[in-house]
Amino acid sequence: MAVILVTGMSGTGKSTVLDLLAQNGYRTVDTDHGDWIDRTGEPLWREDLLGELIAEHERSGRPLFIAGTVANQAVFYARFDEIVLLSAPIDTILERVASRTGNPFGKTEEERNRIIADTREIEPLLRGPATAEIDTRQPLNAVLDQLAALAGAPDLRSST
């Protein structure tokens, strides 16, 4: 079964999409939560933990969606069946981070400036290895259906 990376900049909807995929019965891991990231310096995936997760999943027979954006994610690109870049224009991203309640990042001017800079500098680096790009301005059900299709599953429209 497919192992799918869902990546993108802050505010593109990674956590929202993963929450909804989980509600629809998919196995999901949002690496922003838990012990997946070593935050002692630049945030990096803990390669031992992520490697174990993927190895365990390969025996499970179910699709797995992993969300995150970290500097060392390329180490795992060969182990993902799909690398999906979620994207949105910077104005949309800034509106989302200003209004979200589950994540405080992006509320200060300094953090918003970082989001703008990261989107200009890092998003193009993510676009290169992406096997699919989904514009998250479209209806959420359409985003979910595209992700489900990449996992080899039918549309989720009737269940969301």
Protein backbone atom coordinates (compact mmCIF):
# COMPACT_ATOMS: atom_id res chain seq x y z
CA MET A 1 0.00 0.00 0.00
CA ALA A 2 1.01 3.56 -0.68
CA VAL A 3 3.11 5.74 1.59
CA ILE A 4 2.31 9.34 0.72
CA LEU A 5 4.15 12.44 1.91
CA VAL A 6 1.97 15.53 2.23
CA THR A 7 4.28 18.52 2.35
CA GLY A 8 3.98 22.27 1.95
CA MET A 9 4.44 25.54 3.71
CA SER A 10 2.70 26.62 6.92
CA GLY A 11 -0.93 27.44 6.26
CA THR A 12 -1.42 25.28 3.18
CA GLY A 13 -3.67 22.85 5.04
CA LYS A 14 -1.51 19.84 5.86
CA SER A 15 -2.93 19.30 9.36
CA THR A 16 -6.51 19.97 8.26
CA VAL A 17 -6.28 17.47 5.41
CA LEU A 18 -4.65 14.82 7.59
CA ASP A 19 -7.32 15.21 10.26
CA LEU A 20 -10.03 14.66 7.65
CA LEU A 21 -8.23 11.72 6.08
CA ALA A 22 -7.99 10.14 9.55
CA GLN A 23 -11.72 10.73 10.07
CA ASN A 24 -12.27 8.80 6.84
CA GLY A 25 -10.33 5.80 8.13
CA TYR A 26 -6.89 6.47 6.69
CA ARG A 27 -3.75 6.02 8.73
CA THR A 28 -2.08 9.40 9.13
CA VAL A 29 0.94 10.82 10.93
CA ASP A 30 1.38 14.57 11.32
CA THR A 31 5.07 14.85 12.15
CA ASP A 32 4.51 18.30 13.70
CA HIS A 33 3.02 16.45 16.67
CA GLY A 34 4.79 13.91 18.84
CA ASP A 35 8.45 12.96 18.83
CA TRP A 36 8.97 12.77 15.07
CA ILE A 37 11.07 15.95 14.90
CA ASP A 38 14.36 16.72 16.63
CA ARG A 39 14.08 20.40 17.48
CA THR A 40 17.50 20.89 19.10
CA GLY A 41 18.61 22.96 16.08
CA GLU A 42 16.96 23.22 12.71
CA PRO A 43 13.89 20.97 12.90
CA LEU A 44 14.74 17.59 11.37
CA TRP A 45 12.86 14.32 11.21
CA ARG A 46 14.20 11.71 13.57
CA GLU A 47 15.33 9.35 10.85
CA ASP A 48 15.26 6.30 13.10
CA LEU A 49 11.60 6.84 14.06
CA LEU A 50 10.40 7.71 10.59
CA GLY A 51 12.30 4.76 9.11
CA GLU A 52 10.65 2.42 11.62
CA LEU A 53 7.22 3.88 10.85
CA ILE A 54 7.61 3.32 7.12
CA ALA A 55 9.03 -0.19 7.58
CA GLU A 56 6.14 -1.13 9.88
CA HIS A 57 3.66 0.34 7.44
CA GLU A 58 5.05 -1.63 4.53
CA ARG A 59 3.81 -4.74 6.34
CA SER A 60 0.37 -3.30 7.18
CA GLY A 61 -1.31 -3.27 3.78
CA ARG A 62 -3.01 0.12 4.36
CA PRO A 63 -2.26 3.51 2.81
CA LEU A 64 -0.28 5.85 5.05
CA PHE A 65 -0.25 9.63 4.80
CA ILE A 66 2.68 11.41 6.47
CA ALA A 67 2.66 15.20 6.72
CA GLY A 68 5.59 17.46 7.35
CA THR A 69 8.11 19.86 5.93
CA VAL A 70 11.64 19.53 7.27
CA ALA A 71 15.14 20.00 5.85
CA ASN A 72 15.98 16.28 5.81
CA GLN A 73 12.78 14.95 4.23
CA ALA A 74 14.65 14.20 0.98
CA VAL A 75 16.38 11.34 2.80
CA PHE A 76 13.04 9.51 2.59
CA TYR A 77 11.85 10.50 -0.89
CA ALA A 78 12.70 7.09 -2.37
CA ARG A 79 10.47 5.43 0.26
CA PHE A 80 7.38 7.51 -0.62
CA ASP A 81 5.10 6.34 -3.39
CA GLU A 82 3.86 9.90 -3.82
CA ILE A 83 5.18 13.29 -2.70
CA VAL A 84 2.30 15.74 -2.66
CA LEU A 85 2.93 19.46 -2.39
CA LEU A 86 0.00 21.40 -0.97
CA SER A 87 0.11 24.99 -2.13
CA ALA A 88 -1.82 28.24 -1.96
CA PRO A 89 -1.03 31.88 -2.73
CA ILE A 90 0.79 33.73 0.04
CA ASP A 91 -2.25 35.97 0.78
CA THR A 92 -4.36 32.86 1.39
CA ILE A 93 -1.68 31.32 3.59
CA LEU A 94 -1.36 34.48 5.70
CA GLU A 95 -5.14 34.69 6.15
CA ARG A 96 -5.24 31.07 7.29
CA VAL A 97 -2.44 31.33 9.83
CA ALA A 98 -3.94 34.54 11.23
CA SER A 99 -7.29 32.86 11.86
CA ARG A 100 -6.32 29.33 12.86
CA THR A 101 -6.71 28.32 16.47
CA GLY A 102 -4.86 24.99 16.70
CA ASN A 103 -1.39 26.30 15.91
CA PRO A 104 0.06 29.58 17.21
CA PHE A 105 2.76 29.86 14.51
CA GLY A 106 2.23 32.80 12.18
CA LYS A 107 0.57 35.18 14.60
CA THR A 108 3.49 37.61 14.95
CA GLU A 109 4.87 39.88 12.25
CA GLU A 110 8.25 38.13 12.50
CA GLU A 111 6.61 34.74 11.93
CA ARG A 112 4.53 36.05 9.02
CA ASN A 113 7.70 37.45 7.43
CA ARG A 114 9.33 34.05 7.90
CA ILE A 115 6.38 32.36 6.18
CA ILE A 116 6.69 34.76 3.24
CA ALA A 117 10.45 34.17 2.95
CA ASP A 118 10.13 30.39 3.34
CA THR A 119 7.40 30.27 0.71
CA ARG A 120 9.61 32.13 -1.77
CA GLU A 121 12.76 30.13 -0.96
CA ILE A 122 11.63 26.66 0.11
CA GLU A 123 8.43 25.98 -1.81
CA PRO A 124 10.30 25.84 -5.17
CA LEU A 125 12.63 23.23 -3.64
CA LEU A 126 9.61 21.15 -2.64
CA ARG A 127 7.98 21.52 -6.05
CA GLY A 128 10.89 19.80 -7.86
CA PRO A 129 10.55 16.33 -6.31
CA ALA A 130 6.75 16.52 -5.93
CA THR A 131 4.83 13.91 -7.88
CA ALA A 132 1.64 15.97 -7.49
CA GLU A 133 0.73 19.51 -6.48
CA ILE A 134 -2.67 20.35 -5.04
CA ASP A 135 -3.91 23.93 -4.78
CA THR A 136 -5.75 24.01 -1.47
CA ARG A 137 -7.97 26.96 -2.45
CA GLN A 138 -10.28 24.43 -4.06
CA PRO A 139 -13.04 22.81 -1.98
CA LEU A 140 -11.69 20.57 0.76
CA ASN A 141 -13.58 17.56 -0.60
CA ALA A 142 -11.75 17.94 -3.91
CA VAL A 143 -8.39 17.99 -2.10
CA LEU A 144 -9.36 14.88 -0.15
CA ASP A 145 -10.51 13.08 -3.31
CA GLN A 146 -7.20 13.82 -5.04
CA LEU A 147 -5.24 12.45 -2.08
CA ALA A 148 -7.47 9.37 -1.84
CA ALA A 149 -6.97 8.72 -5.55
CA LEU A 150 -3.19 8.82 -5.07
CA ALA A 151 -3.63 6.18 -2.36
CA GLY A 152 -5.64 4.05 -4.77
CA ALA A 153 -8.96 4.71 -3.04
CA PRO A 154 -12.32 5.93 -4.37
CA ASP A 155 -13.59 9.50 -3.94
CA LEU A 156 -14.37 10.58 -0.40
CA ARG A 157 -17.09 13.12 -1.40
CA SER A 158 -19.94 10.99 -0.17
CA SER A 159 -18.38 10.51 3.27
CA THR A 160 -17.27 14.08 4.12
